[in-house]
Amino acid sequence: MSLPYHIGNGVFGGLTPFIATLLTTIYTNDKLAGLMYPIIVAALCLVIGTLYIQNKIDPPIEA
């Protein structure tokens, strides 16, 4: 479980400053262009999390 965690943090967390700087240099008219990448990654994680969440509060009772 540690390897996917560290790969995810390295890719999405480590590349965030580079991608944000790249987006602000490409889209010079939009001052908030660097925020597109973190917002898109957070929205994607929210969608994936809500699709694959399981109800662990009340597991089915087996008789």
PDB file of N, CA and C in Angstrom:
ATOM      1  N   MET A   1       0.820  -1.185   0.000  1.00  0.00           N
ATOM      2  CA  MET A   1       0.000   0.000   0.000  1.00  0.00           C
ATOM      3  C   MET A   1       0.869   1.255   0.000  1.00  0.00           C
ATOM      4  N   SER A   2       2.075   1.146   0.432  1.00  0.00           N
ATOM      5  CA  SER A   2       2.942   2.309   0.497  1.00  0.00           C
ATOM      6  C   SER A   2       3.416   2.755  -0.883  1.00  0.00           C
ATOM      7  N   LEU A   3       3.678   1.813  -1.773  1.00  0.00           N
ATOM      8  CA  LEU A   3       4.193   2.169  -3.099  1.00  0.00           C
ATOM      9  C   LEU A   3       3.202   3.014  -3.907  1.00  0.00           C
ATOM     10  N   PRO A   4       1.922   2.629  -4.022  1.00  0.00           N
ATOM     11  CA  PRO A   4       0.988   3.496  -4.757  1.00  0.00           C
ATOM     12  C   PRO A   4       0.819   4.868  -4.108  1.00  0.00           C
ATOM     13  N   TYR A   5       0.892   4.906  -2.795  1.00  0.00           N
ATOM     14  CA  TYR A   5       0.772   6.188  -2.093  1.00  0.00           C
ATOM     15  C   TYR A   5       1.923   7.115  -2.479  1.00  0.00           C
ATOM     16  N   HIS A   6       3.127   6.593  -2.460  1.00  0.00           N
ATOM     17  CA  HIS A   6       4.288   7.420  -2.768  1.00  0.00           C
ATOM     18  C   HIS A   6       4.359   7.780  -4.251  1.00  0.00           C
ATOM     19  N   ILE A   7       3.938   6.887  -5.113  1.00  0.00           N
ATOM     20  CA  ILE A   7       3.904   7.211  -6.542  1.00  0.00           C
ATOM     21  C   ILE A   7       2.866   8.296  -6.806  1.00  0.00           C
ATOM     22  N   GLY A   8       1.705   8.171  -6.186  1.00  0.00           N
ATOM     23  CA  GLY A   8       0.666   9.188  -6.354  1.00  0.00           C
ATOM     24  C   GLY A   8       1.096  10.546  -5.833  1.00  0.00           C
ATOM     25  N   ASN A   9       1.729  10.563  -4.682  1.00  0.00           N
ATOM     26  CA  ASN A   9       2.209  11.835  -4.141  1.00  0.00           C
ATOM     27  C   ASN A   9       3.322  12.417  -4.997  1.00  0.00           C
ATOM     28  N   GLY A  10       4.166  11.568  -5.530  1.00  0.00           N
ATOM     29  CA  GLY A  10       5.252  12.056  -6.373  1.00  0.00           C
ATOM     30  C   GLY A  10       4.752  12.644  -7.674  1.00  0.00           C
ATOM     31  N   VAL A  11       3.786  11.981  -8.290  1.00  0.00           N
ATOM     32  CA  VAL A  11       3.284  12.452  -9.584  1.00  0.00           C
ATOM     33  C   VAL A  11       2.373  13.655  -9.409  1.00  0.00           C
ATOM     34  N   PHE A  12       1.350  13.519  -8.570  1.00  0.00           N
ATOM     35  CA  PHE A  12       0.369  14.596  -8.459  1.00  0.00           C
ATOM     36  C   PHE A  12       0.838  15.721  -7.545  1.00  0.00           C
ATOM     37  N   GLY A  13       1.576  15.407  -6.521  1.00  0.00           N
ATOM     38  CA  GLY A  13       2.049  16.449  -5.619  1.00  0.00           C
ATOM     39  C   GLY A  13       3.362  17.064  -6.060  1.00  0.00           C
ATOM     40  N   GLY A  14       4.259  16.230  -6.559  1.00  0.00           N
ATOM     41  CA  GLY A  14       5.572  16.726  -6.944  1.00  0.00           C
ATOM     42  C   GLY A  14       5.573  17.535  -8.219  1.00  0.00           C
ATOM     43  N   LEU A  15       4.688  17.207  -9.131  1.00  0.00           N
ATOM     44  CA  LEU A  15       4.646  17.924 -10.401  1.00  0.00           C
ATOM     45  C   LEU A  15       3.715  19.133 -10.386  1.00  0.00           C
ATOM     46  N   THR A  16       3.013  19.353  -9.294  1.00  0.00           N
ATOM     47  CA  THR A  16       2.061  20.461  -9.237  1.00  0.00           C
ATOM     48  C   THR A  16       2.713  21.825  -9.462  1.00  0.00           C
ATOM     49  N   PRO A  17       3.830  22.155  -8.811  1.00  0.00           N
ATOM     50  CA  PRO A  17       4.429  23.474  -9.087  1.00  0.00           C
ATOM     51  C   PRO A  17       4.889  23.625 -10.538  1.00  0.00           C
ATOM     52  N   PHE A  18       5.447  22.565 -11.102  1.00  0.00           N
ATOM     53  CA  PHE A  18       5.898  22.626 -12.493  1.00  0.00           C
ATOM     54  C   PHE A  18       4.727  22.822 -13.450  1.00  0.00           C
ATOM     55  N   ILE A  19       3.665  22.054 -13.260  1.00  0.00           N
ATOM     56  CA  ILE A  19       2.512  22.151 -14.154  1.00  0.00           C
ATOM     57  C   ILE A  19       1.806  23.489 -13.972  1.00  0.00           C
ATOM     58  N   ALA A  20       1.716  23.980 -12.742  1.00  0.00           N
ATOM     59  CA  ALA A  20       1.087  25.284 -12.504  1.00  0.00           C
ATOM     60  C   ALA A  20       1.890  26.399 -13.169  1.00  0.00           C
ATOM     61  N   THR A  21       3.205  26.328 -13.076  1.00  0.00           N
ATOM     62  CA  THR A  21       4.040  27.327 -13.741  1.00  0.00           C
ATOM     63  C   THR A  21       3.924  27.222 -15.251  1.00  0.00           C
ATOM     64  N   LEU A  22       3.880  26.002 -15.757  1.00  0.00           N
ATOM     65  CA  LEU A  22       3.725  25.796 -17.194  1.00  0.00           C
ATOM     66  C   LEU A  22       2.400  26.364 -17.692  1.00  0.00           C
ATOM     67  N   LEU A  23       1.327  26.124 -16.946  1.00  0.00           N
ATOM     68  CA  LEU A  23       0.021  26.643 -17.359  1.00  0.00           C
ATOM     69  C   LEU A  23      -0.027  28.164 -17.323  1.00  0.00           C
ATOM     70  N   THR A  24       0.632  28.770 -16.342  1.00  0.00           N
ATOM     71  CA  THR A  24       0.619  30.237 -16.277  1.00  0.00           C
ATOM     72  C   THR A  24       1.480  30.855 -17.370  1.00  0.00           C
ATOM     73  N   THR A  25       2.492  30.139 -17.850  1.00  0.00           N
ATOM     74  CA  THR A  25       3.284  30.681 -18.959  1.00  0.00           C
ATOM     75  C   THR A  25       2.594  30.471 -20.301  1.00  0.00           C
ATOM     76  N   ILE A  26       1.790  29.428 -20.425  1.00  0.00           N
ATOM     77  CA  ILE A  26       1.068  29.191 -21.679  1.00  0.00           C
ATOM     78  C   ILE A  26      -0.116  30.146 -21.795  1.00  0.00           C
ATOM     79  N   TYR A  27      -0.916  30.222 -20.735  1.00  0.00           N
ATOM     80  CA  TYR A  27      -2.101  31.087 -20.735  1.00  0.00           C
ATOM     81  C   TYR A  27      -1.763  32.376 -19.987  1.00  0.00           C
ATOM     82  N   THR A  28      -1.138  33.313 -20.680  1.00  0.00           N
ATOM     83  CA  THR A  28      -0.673  34.535 -20.016  1.00  0.00           C
ATOM     84  C   THR A  28      -1.809  35.492 -19.683  1.00  0.00           C
ATOM     85  N   ASN A  29      -2.929  35.404 -20.372  1.00  0.00           N
ATOM     86  CA  ASN A  29      -4.042  36.317 -20.096  1.00  0.00           C
ATOM     87  C   ASN A  29      -4.814  35.932 -18.844  1.00  0.00           C
ATOM     88  N   ASP A  30      -4.775  34.664 -18.470  1.00  0.00           N
ATOM     89  CA  ASP A  30      -5.519  34.180 -17.309  1.00  0.00           C
ATOM     90  C   ASP A  30      -4.571  34.043 -16.126  1.00  0.00           C
ATOM     91  N   LYS A  31      -4.761  34.866 -15.105  1.00  0.00           N
ATOM     92  CA  LYS A  31      -3.870  34.837 -13.947  1.00  0.00           C
ATOM     93  C   LYS A  31      -4.103  33.619 -13.060  1.00  0.00           C
ATOM     94  N   LEU A  32      -5.265  33.013 -13.159  1.00  0.00           N
ATOM     95  CA  LEU A  32      -5.589  31.856 -12.327  1.00  0.00           C
ATOM     96  C   LEU A  32      -5.434  30.536 -13.078  1.00  0.00           C
ATOM     97  N   ALA A  33      -4.716  30.540 -14.183  1.00  0.00           N
ATOM     98  CA  ALA A  33      -4.562  29.324 -14.987  1.00  0.00           C
ATOM     99  C   ALA A  33      -3.791  28.244 -14.237  1.00  0.00           C
ATOM    100  N   GLY A  34      -2.912  28.632 -13.338  1.00  0.00           N
ATOM    101  CA  GLY A  34      -2.148  27.652 -12.573  1.00  0.00           C
ATOM    102  C   GLY A  34      -2.993  26.853 -11.603  1.00  0.00           C
ATOM    103  N   LEU A  35      -4.183  27.325 -11.301  1.00  0.00           N
ATOM    104  CA  LEU A  35      -5.070  26.606 -10.385  1.00  0.00           C
ATOM    105  C   LEU A  35      -5.900  25.535 -11.083  1.00  0.00           C
ATOM    106  N   MET A  36      -5.858  25.497 -12.406  1.00  0.00           N
ATOM    107  CA  MET A  36      -6.667  24.506 -13.124  1.00  0.00           C
ATOM    108  C   MET A  36      -6.239  23.079 -12.791  1.00  0.00           C
ATOM    109  N   TYR A  37      -4.935  22.819 -12.755  1.00  0.00           N
ATOM    110  CA  TYR A  37      -4.452  21.461 -12.504  1.00  0.00           C
ATOM    111  C   TYR A  37      -4.848  20.945 -11.118  1.00  0.00           C
ATOM    112  N   PRO A  38      -4.592  21.677 -10.022  1.00  0.00           N
ATOM    113  CA  PRO A  38      -5.016  21.151  -8.716  1.00  0.00           C
ATOM    114  C   PRO A  38      -6.528  20.992  -8.587  1.00  0.00           C
ATOM    115  N   ILE A  39      -7.285  21.894  -9.203  1.00  0.00           N
ATOM    116  CA  ILE A  39      -8.743  21.786  -9.130  1.00  0.00           C
ATOM    117  C   ILE A  39      -9.225  20.566  -9.907  1.00  0.00           C
ATOM    118  N   ILE A  40      -8.650  20.321 -11.073  1.00  0.00           N
ATOM    119  CA  ILE A  40      -9.052  19.162 -11.877  1.00  0.00           C
ATOM    120  C   ILE A  40      -8.677  17.861 -11.173  1.00  0.00           C
ATOM    121  N   VAL A  41      -7.490  17.806 -10.569  1.00  0.00           N
ATOM    122  CA  VAL A  41      -7.078  16.596  -9.846  1.00  0.00           C
ATOM    123  C   VAL A  41      -7.986  16.361  -8.640  1.00  0.00           C
ATOM    124  N   ALA A  42      -8.329  17.416  -7.909  1.00  0.00           N
ATOM    125  CA  ALA A  42      -9.221  17.264  -6.756  1.00  0.00           C
ATOM    126  C   ALA A  42     -10.612  16.823  -7.191  1.00  0.00           C
ATOM    127  N   ALA A  43     -11.116  17.379  -8.283  1.00  0.00           N
ATOM    128  CA  ALA A  43     -12.437  16.978  -8.781  1.00  0.00           C
ATOM    129  C   ALA A  43     -12.427  15.532  -9.260  1.00  0.00           C
ATOM    130  N   LEU A  44     -11.351  15.131  -9.908  1.00  0.00           N
ATOM    131  CA  LEU A  44     -11.233  13.749 -10.362  1.00  0.00           C
ATOM    132  C   LEU A  44     -11.191  12.781  -9.184  1.00  0.00           C
ATOM    133  N   CYS A  45     -10.459  13.139  -8.144  1.00  0.00           N
ATOM    134  CA  CYS A  45     -10.412  12.299  -6.943  1.00  0.00           C
ATOM    135  C   CYS A  45     -11.775  12.231  -6.261  1.00  0.00           C
ATOM    136  N   LEU A  46     -12.506  13.327  -6.267  1.00  0.00           N
ATOM    137  CA  LEU A  46     -13.846  13.329  -5.684  1.00  0.00           C
ATOM    138  C   LEU A  46     -14.778  12.402  -6.457  1.00  0.00           C
ATOM    139  N   VAL A  47     -14.723  12.465  -7.776  1.00  0.00           N
ATOM    140  CA  VAL A  47     -15.589  11.609  -8.598  1.00  0.00           C
ATOM    141  C   VAL A  47     -15.233  10.141  -8.403  1.00  0.00           C
ATOM    142  N   ILE A  48     -13.949   9.817  -8.447  1.00  0.00           N
ATOM    143  CA  ILE A  48     -13.531   8.426  -8.263  1.00  0.00           C
ATOM    144  C   ILE A  48     -13.876   7.944  -6.859  1.00  0.00           C
ATOM    145  N   GLY A  49     -13.679   8.794  -5.870  1.00  0.00           N
ATOM    146  CA  GLY A  49     -14.003   8.414  -4.495  1.00  0.00           C
ATOM    147  C   GLY A  49     -15.479   8.160  -4.279  1.00  0.00           C
ATOM    148  N   THR A  50     -16.326   8.985  -4.875  1.00  0.00           N
ATOM    149  CA  THR A  50     -17.761   8.782  -4.695  1.00  0.00           C
ATOM    150  C   THR A  50     -18.270   7.578  -5.475  1.00  0.00           C
ATOM    151  N   LEU A  51     -17.619   7.246  -6.575  1.00  0.00           N
ATOM    152  CA  LEU A  51     -18.051   6.077  -7.339  1.00  0.00           C
ATOM    153  C   LEU A  51     -17.671   4.768  -6.654  1.00  0.00           C
ATOM    154  N   TYR A  52     -16.531   4.750  -5.995  1.00  0.00           N
ATOM    155  CA  TYR A  52     -16.030   3.501  -5.434  1.00  0.00           C
ATOM    156  C   TYR A  52     -16.129   3.409  -3.919  1.00  0.00           C
ATOM    157  N   ILE A  53     -16.825   4.338  -3.293  1.00  0.00           N
ATOM    158  CA  ILE A  53     -16.955   4.276  -1.839  1.00  0.00           C
ATOM    159  C   ILE A  53     -17.906   3.138  -1.466  1.00  0.00           C
ATOM    160  N   GLN A  54     -17.599   2.504  -0.367  1.00  0.00           N
ATOM    161  CA  GLN A  54     -18.441   1.410   0.109  1.00  0.00           C
ATOM    162  C   GLN A  54     -18.976   1.773   1.485  1.00  0.00           C
ATOM    163  N   ASN A  55     -20.149   1.282   1.782  1.00  0.00           N
ATOM    164  CA  ASN A  55     -20.756   1.529   3.082  1.00  0.00           C
ATOM    165  C   ASN A  55     -20.144   0.566   4.093  1.00  0.00           C
ATOM    166  N   LYS A  56     -19.276   1.071   4.944  1.00  0.00           N
ATOM    167  CA  LYS A  56     -18.627   0.224   5.939  1.00  0.00           C
ATOM    168  C   LYS A  56     -19.186   0.469   7.334  1.00  0.00           C
ATOM    169  N   ILE A  57     -20.169   1.337   7.437  1.00  0.00           N
ATOM    170  CA  ILE A  57     -20.753   1.622   8.743  1.00  0.00           C
ATOM    171  C   ILE A  57     -21.677   0.485   9.164  1.00  0.00           C
ATOM    172  N   ASP A  58     -22.571   0.093   8.273  1.00  0.00           N
ATOM    173  CA  ASP A  58     -23.522  -0.964   8.575  1.00  0.00           C
ATOM    174  C   ASP A  58     -23.346  -2.119   7.595  1.00  0.00           C
ATOM    175  N   PRO A  59     -22.407  -3.024   7.872  1.00  0.00           N
ATOM    176  CA  PRO A  59     -22.253  -4.156   6.961  1.00  0.00           C
ATOM    177  C   PRO A  59     -23.469  -5.076   7.050  1.00  0.00           C
ATOM    178  N   PRO A  60     -23.758  -5.807   5.996  1.00  0.00           N
ATOM    179  CA  PRO A  60     -24.923  -6.705   6.030  1.00  0.00           C
ATOM    180  C   PRO A  60     -24.747  -7.787   7.096  1.00  0.00           C
ATOM    181  N   ILE A  61     -25.841  -8.083   7.778  1.00  0.00           N
ATOM    182  CA  ILE A  61     -25.829  -9.085   8.845  1.00  0.00           C
ATOM    183  C   ILE A  61     -26.056 -10.456   8.225  1.00  0.00           C
ATOM    184  N   GLU A  62     -25.112 -11.343   8.477  1.00  0.00           N
ATOM    185  CA  GLU A  62     -25.247 -12.702   7.957  1.00  0.00           C
ATOM    186  C   GLU A  62     -25.827 -13.591   9.048  1.00  0.00           C
ATOM    187  N   ALA A  63     -26.904 -14.269   8.726  1.00  0.00           N
ATOM    188  CA  ALA A  63     -27.567 -15.106   9.727  1.00  0.00           C
ATOM    189  C   ALA A  63     -27.094 -16.533   9.672  1.00  0.00           C
TER     190      ALA A  63
END
